[in-house]
mmCIF file of all heavy atoms, coordinates in Angstrom:
data_MODEL
# 
_entry.id   MODEL 
# 
loop_
_atom_site.group_PDB 
_atom_site.id 
_atom_site.type_symbol 
_atom_site.label_atom_id 
_atom_site.label_alt_id 
_atom_site.label_comp_id 
_atom_site.label_asym_id 
_atom_site.label_entity_id 
_atom_site.label_seq_id 
_atom_site.pdbx_PDB_ins_code 
_atom_site.Cartn_x 
_atom_site.Cartn_y 
_atom_site.Cartn_z 
_atom_site.occupancy 
_atom_site.B_iso_or_equiv 
_atom_site.pdbx_formal_charge 
_atom_site.auth_seq_id 
_atom_site.auth_comp_id 
_atom_site.auth_asym_id 
_atom_site.auth_atom_id 
_atom_site.pdbx_PDB_model_num 
ATOM 1   N N   . ARG A 1 1  ? 90.756  83.739  119.201 1.00 0.00 ? 1  ARG A N   1 
ATOM 2   C CA  . ARG A 1 1  ? 92.220  83.540  119.438 1.00 0.00 ? 1  ARG A CA  1 
ATOM 3   C C   . ARG A 1 1  ? 92.579  83.769  120.894 1.00 0.00 ? 1  ARG A C   1 
ATOM 4   O O   . ARG A 1 1  ? 92.190  84.847  121.446 1.00 0.00 ? 1  ARG A O   1 
ATOM 5   C CB  . ARG A 1 1  ? 93.024  84.463  118.524 1.00 0.00 ? 1  ARG A CB  1 
ATOM 6   C CG  . ARG A 1 1  ? 94.531  84.316  118.703 1.00 0.00 ? 1  ARG A CG  1 
ATOM 7   C CD  . ARG A 1 1  ? 95.343  85.366  117.972 1.00 0.00 ? 1  ARG A CD  1 
ATOM 8   N NE  . ARG A 1 1  ? 94.952  85.385  116.592 1.00 0.00 ? 1  ARG A NE  1 
ATOM 9   C CZ  . ARG A 1 1  ? 95.503  86.281  115.685 1.00 0.00 ? 1  ARG A CZ  1 
ATOM 10  N NH1 . ARG A 1 1  ? 96.382  87.155  116.143 1.00 0.00 ? 1  ARG A NH1 1 
ATOM 11  N NH2 . ARG A 1 1  ? 95.159  86.300  114.497 1.00 0.00 ? 1  ARG A NH2 1 
ATOM 12  N N   . LEU A 1 2  ? 93.336  82.860  121.477 1.00 0.00 ? 2  LEU A N   1 
ATOM 13  C CA  . LEU A 1 2  ? 93.942  83.099  122.781 1.00 0.00 ? 2  LEU A CA  1 
ATOM 14  C C   . LEU A 1 2  ? 95.107  84.075  122.595 1.00 0.00 ? 2  LEU A C   1 
ATOM 15  O O   . LEU A 1 2  ? 96.025  83.923  121.781 1.00 0.00 ? 2  LEU A O   1 
ATOM 16  C CB  . LEU A 1 2  ? 94.445  81.802  123.406 1.00 0.00 ? 2  LEU A CB  1 
ATOM 17  C CG  . LEU A 1 2  ? 95.200  81.890  124.707 1.00 0.00 ? 2  LEU A CG  1 
ATOM 18  C CD1 . LEU A 1 2  ? 94.313  82.454  125.817 1.00 0.00 ? 2  LEU A CD1 1 
ATOM 19  C CD2 . LEU A 1 2  ? 95.720  80.516  125.061 1.00 0.00 ? 2  LEU A CD2 1 
ATOM 20  N N   . VAL A 1 3  ? 95.067  85.184  123.370 1.00 0.00 ? 3  VAL A N   1 
ATOM 21  C CA  . VAL A 1 3  ? 96.080  86.209  123.251 1.00 0.00 ? 3  VAL A CA  1 
ATOM 22  C C   . VAL A 1 3  ? 96.974  86.101  124.478 1.00 0.00 ? 3  VAL A C   1 
ATOM 23  O O   . VAL A 1 3  ? 96.529  86.157  125.597 1.00 0.00 ? 3  VAL A O   1 
ATOM 24  C CB  . VAL A 1 3  ? 95.455  87.611  123.156 1.00 0.00 ? 3  VAL A CB  1 
ATOM 25  C CG1 . VAL A 1 3  ? 96.504  88.705  123.140 1.00 0.00 ? 3  VAL A CG1 1 
ATOM 26  C CG2 . VAL A 1 3  ? 94.579  87.660  121.938 1.00 0.00 ? 3  VAL A CG2 1 
ATOM 27  N N   . ASP A 1 4  ? 98.317  86.072  124.214 1.00 0.00 ? 4  ASP A N   1 
ATOM 28  C CA  . ASP A 1 4  ? 99.309  86.000  125.301 1.00 0.00 ? 4  ASP A CA  1 
ATOM 29  C C   . ASP A 1 4  ? 99.559  87.443  125.769 1.00 0.00 ? 4  ASP A C   1 
ATOM 30  O O   . ASP A 1 4  ? 100.287 88.200  125.149 1.00 0.00 ? 4  ASP A O   1 
ATOM 31  C CB  . ASP A 1 4  ? 100.582 85.389  124.838 1.00 0.00 ? 4  ASP A CB  1 
ATOM 32  C CG  . ASP A 1 4  ? 101.631 85.234  125.900 1.00 0.00 ? 4  ASP A CG  1 
ATOM 33  O OD1 . ASP A 1 4  ? 101.248 85.332  127.091 1.00 0.00 ? 4  ASP A OD1 1 
ATOM 34  O OD2 . ASP A 1 4  ? 102.742 84.933  125.593 1.00 0.00 ? 4  ASP A OD2 1 
ATOM 35  N N   . ALA A 1 5  ? 98.878  87.847  126.850 1.00 0.00 ? 5  ALA A N   1 
ATOM 36  C CA  . ALA A 1 5  ? 98.992  89.233  127.339 1.00 0.00 ? 5  ALA A CA  1 
ATOM 37  C C   . ALA A 1 5  ? 98.568  89.201  128.854 1.00 0.00 ? 5  ALA A C   1 
ATOM 38  O O   . ALA A 1 5  ? 97.761  88.372  129.277 1.00 0.00 ? 5  ALA A O   1 
ATOM 39  C CB  . ALA A 1 5  ? 98.005  90.085  126.557 1.00 0.00 ? 5  ALA A CB  1 
ATOM 40  N N   . PRO A 1 6  ? 99.025  90.270  129.573 1.00 0.00 ? 6  PRO A N   1 
ATOM 41  C CA  . PRO A 1 6  ? 98.540  90.403  130.929 1.00 0.00 ? 6  PRO A CA  1 
ATOM 42  C C   . PRO A 1 6  ? 97.053  90.773  130.900 1.00 0.00 ? 6  PRO A C   1 
ATOM 43  O O   . PRO A 1 6  ? 96.646  91.539  130.008 1.00 0.00 ? 6  PRO A O   1 
ATOM 44  C CB  . PRO A 1 6  ? 99.460  91.516  131.442 1.00 0.00 ? 6  PRO A CB  1 
ATOM 45  C CG  . PRO A 1 6  ? 99.907  92.256  130.272 1.00 0.00 ? 6  PRO A CG  1 
ATOM 46  C CD  . PRO A 1 6  ? 100.004 91.263  129.180 1.00 0.00 ? 6  PRO A CD  1 
ATOM 47  N N   . LEU A 1 7  ? 96.284  90.289  131.818 1.00 0.00 ? 7  LEU A N   1 
ATOM 48  C CA  . LEU A 1 7  ? 94.821  90.500  131.752 1.00 0.00 ? 7  LEU A CA  1 
ATOM 49  C C   . LEU A 1 7  ? 94.440  91.985  131.802 1.00 0.00 ? 7  LEU A C   1 
ATOM 50  O O   . LEU A 1 7  ? 93.759  92.435  130.913 1.00 0.00 ? 7  LEU A O   1 
ATOM 51  C CB  . LEU A 1 7  ? 94.146  89.767  132.864 1.00 0.00 ? 7  LEU A CB  1 
ATOM 52  C CG  . LEU A 1 7  ? 92.644  89.797  132.877 1.00 0.00 ? 7  LEU A CG  1 
ATOM 53  C CD1 . LEU A 1 7  ? 92.063  89.170  131.616 1.00 0.00 ? 7  LEU A CD1 1 
ATOM 54  C CD2 . LEU A 1 7  ? 92.061  89.163  134.061 1.00 0.00 ? 7  LEU A CD2 1 
ATOM 55  N N   . VAL A 1 8  ? 94.870  92.729  132.779 1.00 0.00 ? 8  VAL A N   1 
ATOM 56  C CA  . VAL A 1 8  ? 94.377  94.082  132.953 1.00 0.00 ? 8  VAL A CA  1 
ATOM 57  C C   . VAL A 1 8  ? 94.988  95.017  131.864 1.00 0.00 ? 8  VAL A C   1 
ATOM 58  O O   . VAL A 1 8  ? 94.247  95.664  131.084 1.00 0.00 ? 8  VAL A O   1 
ATOM 59  C CB  . VAL A 1 8  ? 94.632  94.682  134.332 1.00 0.00 ? 8  VAL A CB  1 
ATOM 60  C CG1 . VAL A 1 8  ? 94.248  96.115  134.431 1.00 0.00 ? 8  VAL A CG1 1 
ATOM 61  C CG2 . VAL A 1 8  ? 93.944  93.853  135.418 1.00 0.00 ? 8  VAL A CG2 1 
ATOM 62  N N   . GLU A 1 9  ? 96.297  95.119  131.815 1.00 0.00 ? 9  GLU A N   1 
ATOM 63  C CA  . GLU A 1 9  ? 96.911  96.009  130.826 1.00 0.00 ? 9  GLU A CA  1 
ATOM 64  C C   . GLU A 1 9  ? 96.631  95.577  129.449 1.00 0.00 ? 9  GLU A C   1 
ATOM 65  O O   . GLU A 1 9  ? 96.366  96.402  128.550 1.00 0.00 ? 9  GLU A O   1 
ATOM 66  C CB  . GLU A 1 9  ? 98.455  96.062  131.072 1.00 0.00 ? 9  GLU A CB  1 
ATOM 67  C CG  . GLU A 1 9  ? 98.868  96.706  132.357 1.00 0.00 ? 9  GLU A CG  1 
ATOM 68  C CD  . GLU A 1 9  ? 99.048  95.623  133.457 1.00 0.00 ? 9  GLU A CD  1 
ATOM 69  O OE1 . GLU A 1 9  ? 98.424  94.539  133.401 1.00 0.00 ? 9  GLU A OE1 1 
ATOM 70  O OE2 . GLU A 1 9  ? 99.822  95.918  134.359 1.00 0.00 ? 9  GLU A OE2 1 
ATOM 71  N N   . GLY A 1 10 ? 96.635  94.277  129.207 1.00 0.00 ? 10 GLY A N   1 
ATOM 72  C CA  . GLY A 1 10 ? 96.293  93.746  127.867 1.00 0.00 ? 10 GLY A CA  1 
ATOM 73  C C   . GLY A 1 10 ? 94.930  94.040  127.446 1.00 0.00 ? 10 GLY A C   1 
ATOM 74  O O   . GLY A 1 10 ? 94.634  94.327  126.284 1.00 0.00 ? 10 GLY A O   1 
ATOM 75  N N   . ALA A 1 11 ? 93.957  93.950  128.386 1.00 0.00 ? 11 ALA A N   1 
ATOM 76  C CA  . ALA A 1 11 ? 92.573  94.240  128.134 1.00 0.00 ? 11 ALA A CA  1 
ATOM 77  C C   . ALA A 1 11 ? 92.400  95.699  127.666 1.00 0.00 ? 11 ALA A C   1 
ATOM 78  O O   . ALA A 1 11 ? 91.697  95.964  126.684 1.00 0.00 ? 11 ALA A O   1 
ATOM 79  C CB  . ALA A 1 11 ? 91.676  93.952  129.332 1.00 0.00 ? 11 ALA A CB  1 
ATOM 80  N N   . VAL A 1 12 ? 92.981  96.579  128.360 1.00 0.00 ? 12 VAL A N   1 
ATOM 81  C CA  . VAL A 1 12 ? 92.947  98.046  127.980 1.00 0.00 ? 12 VAL A CA  1 
ATOM 82  C C   . VAL A 1 12 ? 93.513  98.223  126.628 1.00 0.00 ? 12 VAL A C   1 
ATOM 83  O O   . VAL A 1 12 ? 92.890  98.864  125.743 1.00 0.00 ? 12 VAL A O   1 
ATOM 84  C CB  . VAL A 1 12 ? 93.633  98.959  129.040 1.00 0.00 ? 12 VAL A CB  1 
ATOM 85  C CG1 . VAL A 1 12 ? 93.699  100.379 128.593 1.00 0.00 ? 12 VAL A CG1 1 
ATOM 86  C CG2 . VAL A 1 12 ? 92.906  98.822  130.407 1.00 0.00 ? 12 VAL A CG2 1 
ATOM 87  N N   . ALA A 1 13 ? 94.695  97.707  126.363 1.00 0.00 ? 13 ALA A N   1 
ATOM 88  C CA  . ALA A 1 13 ? 95.368  97.818  125.034 1.00 0.00 ? 13 ALA A CA  1 
ATOM 89  C C   . ALA A 1 13 ? 94.485  97.228  123.944 1.00 0.00 ? 13 ALA A C   1 
ATOM 90  O O   . ALA A 1 13 ? 94.334  97.805  122.842 1.00 0.00 ? 13 ALA A O   1 
ATOM 91  C CB  . ALA A 1 13 ? 96.730  97.220  125.080 1.00 0.00 ? 13 ALA A CB  1 
ATOM 92  N N   . ALA A 1 14 ? 93.927  96.056  124.236 1.00 0.00 ? 14 ALA A N   1 
ATOM 93  C CA  . ALA A 1 14 ? 93.016  95.397  123.196 1.00 0.00 ? 14 ALA A CA  1 
ATOM 94  C C   . ALA A 1 14 ? 91.805  96.214  122.926 1.00 0.00 ? 14 ALA A C   1 
ATOM 95  O O   . ALA A 1 14 ? 91.502  96.406  121.690 1.00 0.00 ? 14 ALA A O   1 
ATOM 96  C CB  . ALA A 1 14 ? 92.703  93.977  123.716 1.00 0.00 ? 14 ALA A CB  1 
ATOM 97  N N   . VAL A 1 15 ? 91.170  96.695  123.879 1.00 0.00 ? 15 VAL A N   1 
ATOM 98  C CA  . VAL A 1 15 ? 89.935  97.456  123.685 1.00 0.00 ? 15 VAL A CA  1 
ATOM 99  C C   . VAL A 1 15 ? 90.230  98.767  122.953 1.00 0.00 ? 15 VAL A C   1 
ATOM 100 O O   . VAL A 1 15 ? 89.537  99.151  122.067 1.00 0.00 ? 15 VAL A O   1 
ATOM 101 C CB  . VAL A 1 15 ? 89.154  97.641  124.972 1.00 0.00 ? 15 VAL A CB  1 
ATOM 102 C CG1 . VAL A 1 15 ? 87.948  98.623  124.803 1.00 0.00 ? 15 VAL A CG1 1 
ATOM 103 C CG2 . VAL A 1 15 ? 88.609  96.315  125.474 1.00 0.00 ? 15 VAL A CG2 1 
ATOM 104 N N   . VAL A 1 16 ? 91.209  99.502  123.389 1.00 0.00 ? 16 VAL A N   1 
ATOM 105 C CA  . VAL A 1 16 ? 91.605  100.713 122.761 1.00 0.00 ? 16 VAL A CA  1 
ATOM 106 C C   . VAL A 1 16 ? 91.926  100.477 121.293 1.00 0.00 ? 16 VAL A C   1 
ATOM 107 O O   . VAL A 1 16 ? 91.554  101.229 120.376 1.00 0.00 ? 16 VAL A O   1 
ATOM 108 C CB  . VAL A 1 16 ? 92.831  101.417 123.469 1.00 0.00 ? 16 VAL A CB  1 
ATOM 109 C CG1 . VAL A 1 16 ? 93.370  102.598 122.663 1.00 0.00 ? 16 VAL A CG1 1 
ATOM 110 C CG2 . VAL A 1 16 ? 92.317  101.913 124.858 1.00 0.00 ? 16 VAL A CG2 1 
ATOM 111 N N   . THR A 1 17 ? 92.770  99.464  120.998 1.00 0.00 ? 17 THR A N   1 
ATOM 112 C CA  . THR A 1 17 ? 93.179  99.182  119.613 1.00 0.00 ? 17 THR A CA  1 
ATOM 113 C C   . THR A 1 17 ? 92.001  98.745  118.801 1.00 0.00 ? 17 THR A C   1 
ATOM 114 O O   . THR A 1 17 ? 91.875  99.137  117.640 1.00 0.00 ? 17 THR A O   1 
ATOM 115 C CB  . THR A 1 17 ? 94.302  98.091  119.616 1.00 0.00 ? 17 THR A CB  1 
ATOM 116 O OG1 . THR A 1 17 ? 95.370  98.604  120.457 1.00 0.00 ? 17 THR A OG1 1 
ATOM 117 C CG2 . THR A 1 17 ? 94.853  97.824  118.233 1.00 0.00 ? 17 THR A CG2 1 
ATOM 118 N N   . ALA A 1 18 ? 91.142  97.882  119.332 1.00 0.00 ? 18 ALA A N   1 
ATOM 119 C CA  . ALA A 1 18 ? 89.945  97.436  118.599 1.00 0.00 ? 18 ALA A CA  1 
ATOM 120 C C   . ALA A 1 18 ? 89.052  98.640  118.304 1.00 0.00 ? 18 ALA A C   1 
ATOM 121 O O   . ALA A 1 18 ? 88.414  98.717  117.214 1.00 0.00 ? 18 ALA A O   1 
ATOM 122 C CB  . ALA A 1 18 ? 89.215  96.333  119.372 1.00 0.00 ? 18 ALA A CB  1 
ATOM 123 N N   . SER A 1 19 ? 88.971  99.543  119.236 1.00 0.00 ? 19 SER A N   1 
ATOM 124 C CA  . SER A 1 19 ? 88.069  100.713 119.048 1.00 0.00 ? 19 SER A CA  1 
ATOM 125 C C   . SER A 1 19 ? 88.556  101.596 117.929 1.00 0.00 ? 19 SER A C   1 
ATOM 126 O O   . SER A 1 19 ? 87.807  102.383 117.377 1.00 0.00 ? 19 SER A O   1 
ATOM 127 C CB  . SER A 1 19 ? 87.885  101.511 120.333 1.00 0.00 ? 19 SER A CB  1 
ATOM 128 O OG  . SER A 1 19 ? 89.047  102.206 120.673 1.00 0.00 ? 19 SER A OG  1 
ATOM 129 N N   . ALA A 1 20 ? 89.815  101.510 117.622 1.00 0.00 ? 20 ALA A N   1 
ATOM 130 C CA  . ALA A 1 20 ? 90.372  102.316 116.525 1.00 0.00 ? 20 ALA A CA  1 
ATOM 131 C C   . ALA A 1 20 ? 90.184  101.616 115.152 1.00 0.00 ? 20 ALA A C   1 
ATOM 132 O O   . ALA A 1 20 ? 90.583  102.136 114.074 1.00 0.00 ? 20 ALA A O   1 
ATOM 133 C CB  . ALA A 1 20 ? 91.871  102.549 116.713 1.00 0.00 ? 20 ALA A CB  1 
ATOM 134 N N   . GLY A 1 21 ? 89.507  100.414 115.197 1.00 0.00 ? 21 GLY A N   1 
ATOM 135 C CA  . GLY A 1 21 ? 89.234  99.724  113.939 1.00 0.00 ? 21 GLY A CA  1 
ATOM 136 C C   . GLY A 1 21 ? 90.284  98.727  113.516 1.00 0.00 ? 21 GLY A C   1 
ATOM 137 O O   . GLY A 1 21 ? 90.225  98.222  112.431 1.00 0.00 ? 21 GLY A O   1 
ATOM 138 N N   . ALA A 1 22 ? 91.188  98.410  114.399 1.00 0.00 ? 22 ALA A N   1 
ATOM 139 C CA  . ALA A 1 22 ? 92.244  97.481  114.043 1.00 0.00 ? 22 ALA A CA  1 
ATOM 140 C C   . ALA A 1 22 ? 91.721  96.089  113.896 1.00 0.00 ? 22 ALA A C   1 
ATOM 141 O O   . ALA A 1 22 ? 90.686  95.680  114.462 1.00 0.00 ? 22 ALA A O   1 
ATOM 142 C CB  . ALA A 1 22 ? 93.342  97.517  115.136 1.00 0.00 ? 22 ALA A CB  1 
ATOM 143 N N   . ASP A 1 23 ? 92.455  95.289  113.137 1.00 0.00 ? 23 ASP A N   1 
ATOM 144 C CA  . ASP A 1 23 ? 92.102  93.856  112.954 1.00 0.00 ? 23 ASP A CA  1 
ATOM 145 C C   . ASP A 1 23 ? 92.563  93.026  114.145 1.00 0.00 ? 23 ASP A C   1 
ATOM 146 O O   . ASP A 1 23 ? 93.341  93.505  114.999 1.00 0.00 ? 23 ASP A O   1 
ATOM 147 C CB  . ASP A 1 23 ? 92.636  93.331  111.616 1.00 0.00 ? 23 ASP A CB  1 
ATOM 148 C CG  . ASP A 1 23 ? 94.135  93.232  111.451 1.00 0.00 ? 23 ASP A CG  1 
ATOM 149 O OD1 . ASP A 1 23 ? 94.846  93.427  112.536 1.00 0.00 ? 23 ASP A OD1 1 
ATOM 150 O OD2 . ASP A 1 23 ? 94.577  93.002  110.350 1.00 0.00 ? 23 ASP A OD2 1 
ATOM 151 N N   . LEU A 1 24 ? 92.264  91.746  114.071 1.00 0.00 ? 24 LEU A N   1 
ATOM 152 C CA  . LEU A 1 24 ? 92.564  90.817  115.198 1.00 0.00 ? 24 LEU A CA  1 
ATOM 153 C C   . LEU A 1 24 ? 94.117  90.754  115.421 1.00 0.00 ? 24 LEU A C   1 
ATOM 154 O O   . LEU A 1 24 ? 94.541  90.706  116.568 1.00 0.00 ? 24 LEU A O   1 
ATOM 155 C CB  . LEU A 1 24 ? 92.002  89.441  114.968 1.00 0.00 ? 24 LEU A CB  1 
ATOM 156 C CG  . LEU A 1 24 ? 92.195  88.393  116.065 1.00 0.00 ? 24 LEU A CG  1 
ATOM 157 C CD1 . LEU A 1 24 ? 91.641  88.899  117.399 1.00 0.00 ? 24 LEU A CD1 1 
ATOM 158 C CD2 . LEU A 1 24 ? 91.572  87.142  115.678 1.00 0.00 ? 24 LEU A CD2 1 
ATOM 159 N N   . ASP A 1 25 ? 94.870  90.708  114.381 1.00 0.00 ? 25 ASP A N   1 
ATOM 160 C CA  . ASP A 1 25 ? 96.373  90.639  114.542 1.00 0.00 ? 25 ASP A CA  1 
ATOM 161 C C   . ASP A 1 25 ? 96.878  91.826  115.286 1.00 0.00 ? 25 ASP A C   1 
ATOM 162 O O   . ASP A 1 25 ? 97.737  91.704  116.200 1.00 0.00 ? 25 ASP A O   1 
ATOM 163 C CB  . ASP A 1 25 ? 97.060  90.549  113.164 1.00 0.00 ? 25 ASP A CB  1 
ATOM 164 C CG  . ASP A 1 25 ? 96.887  89.179  112.489 1.00 0.00 ? 25 ASP A CG  1 
ATOM 165 O OD1 . ASP A 1 25 ? 96.598  88.162  113.203 1.00 0.00 ? 25 ASP A OD1 1 
ATOM 166 O OD2 . ASP A 1 25 ? 97.006  89.128  111.271 1.00 0.00 ? 25 ASP A OD2 1 
ATOM 167 N N   . ALA A 1 26 ? 96.416  93.017  114.950 1.00 0.00 ? 26 ALA A N   1 
ATOM 168 C CA  . ALA A 1 26 ? 96.853  94.254  115.609 1.00 0.00 ? 26 ALA A CA  1 
ATOM 169 C C   . ALA A 1 26 ? 96.352  94.314  117.024 1.00 0.00 ? 26 ALA A C   1 
ATOM 170 O O   . ALA A 1 26 ? 97.111  94.789  117.936 1.00 0.00 ? 26 ALA A O   1 
ATOM 171 C CB  . ALA A 1 26 ? 96.397  95.453  114.817 1.00 0.00 ? 26 ALA A CB  1 
ATOM 172 N N   . VAL A 1 27 ? 95.156  93.909  117.286 1.00 0.00 ? 27 VAL A N   1 
ATOM 173 C CA  . VAL A 1 27 ? 94.580  93.865  118.692 1.00 0.00 ? 27 VAL A CA  1 
ATOM 174 C C   . VAL A 1 27 ? 95.420  92.888  119.524 1.00 0.00 ? 27 VAL A C   1 
ATOM 175 O O   . VAL A 1 27 ? 95.808  93.251  120.623 1.00 0.00 ? 27 VAL A O   1 
ATOM 176 C CB  . VAL A 1 27 ? 93.114  93.471  118.653 1.00 0.00 ? 27 VAL A CB  1 
ATOM 177 C CG1 . VAL A 1 27 ? 92.617  93.196  120.066 1.00 0.00 ? 27 VAL A CG1 1 
ATOM 178 C CG2 . VAL A 1 27 ? 92.265  94.526  117.974 1.00 0.00 ? 27 VAL A CG2 1 
ATOM 179 N N   . ALA A 1 28 ? 95.726  91.740  118.990 1.00 0.00 ? 28 ALA A N   1 
ATOM 180 C CA  . ALA A 1 28 ? 96.512  90.747  119.757 1.00 0.00 ? 28 ALA A CA  1 
ATOM 181 C C   . ALA A 1 28 ? 97.903  91.316  119.999 1.00 0.00 ? 28 ALA A C   1 
ATOM 182 O O   . ALA A 1 28 ? 98.472  91.175  121.071 1.00 0.00 ? 28 ALA A O   1 
ATOM 183 C CB  . ALA A 1 28 ? 96.598  89.433  118.945 1.00 0.00 ? 28 ALA A CB  1 
ATOM 184 N N   . ALA A 1 29 ? 98.544  91.939  118.973 1.00 0.00 ? 29 ALA A N   1 
ATOM 185 C CA  . ALA A 1 29 ? 99.908  92.480  119.161 1.00 0.00 ? 29 ALA A CA  1 
ATOM 186 C C   . ALA A 1 29 ? 99.889  93.604  120.271 1.00 0.00 ? 29 ALA A C   1 
ATOM 187 O O   . ALA A 1 29 ? 100.805 93.618  121.073 1.00 0.00 ? 29 ALA A O   1 
ATOM 188 C CB  . ALA A 1 29 ? 100.422 92.990  117.840 1.00 0.00 ? 29 ALA A CB  1 
# 
């Protein structure tokens, strides 16, 4: 999925959220 997010801040948020076991919807959000 293409995620509408800023690259740097969004990347950090995505990786942190994914590392907590979140699903793709939560990571994208």
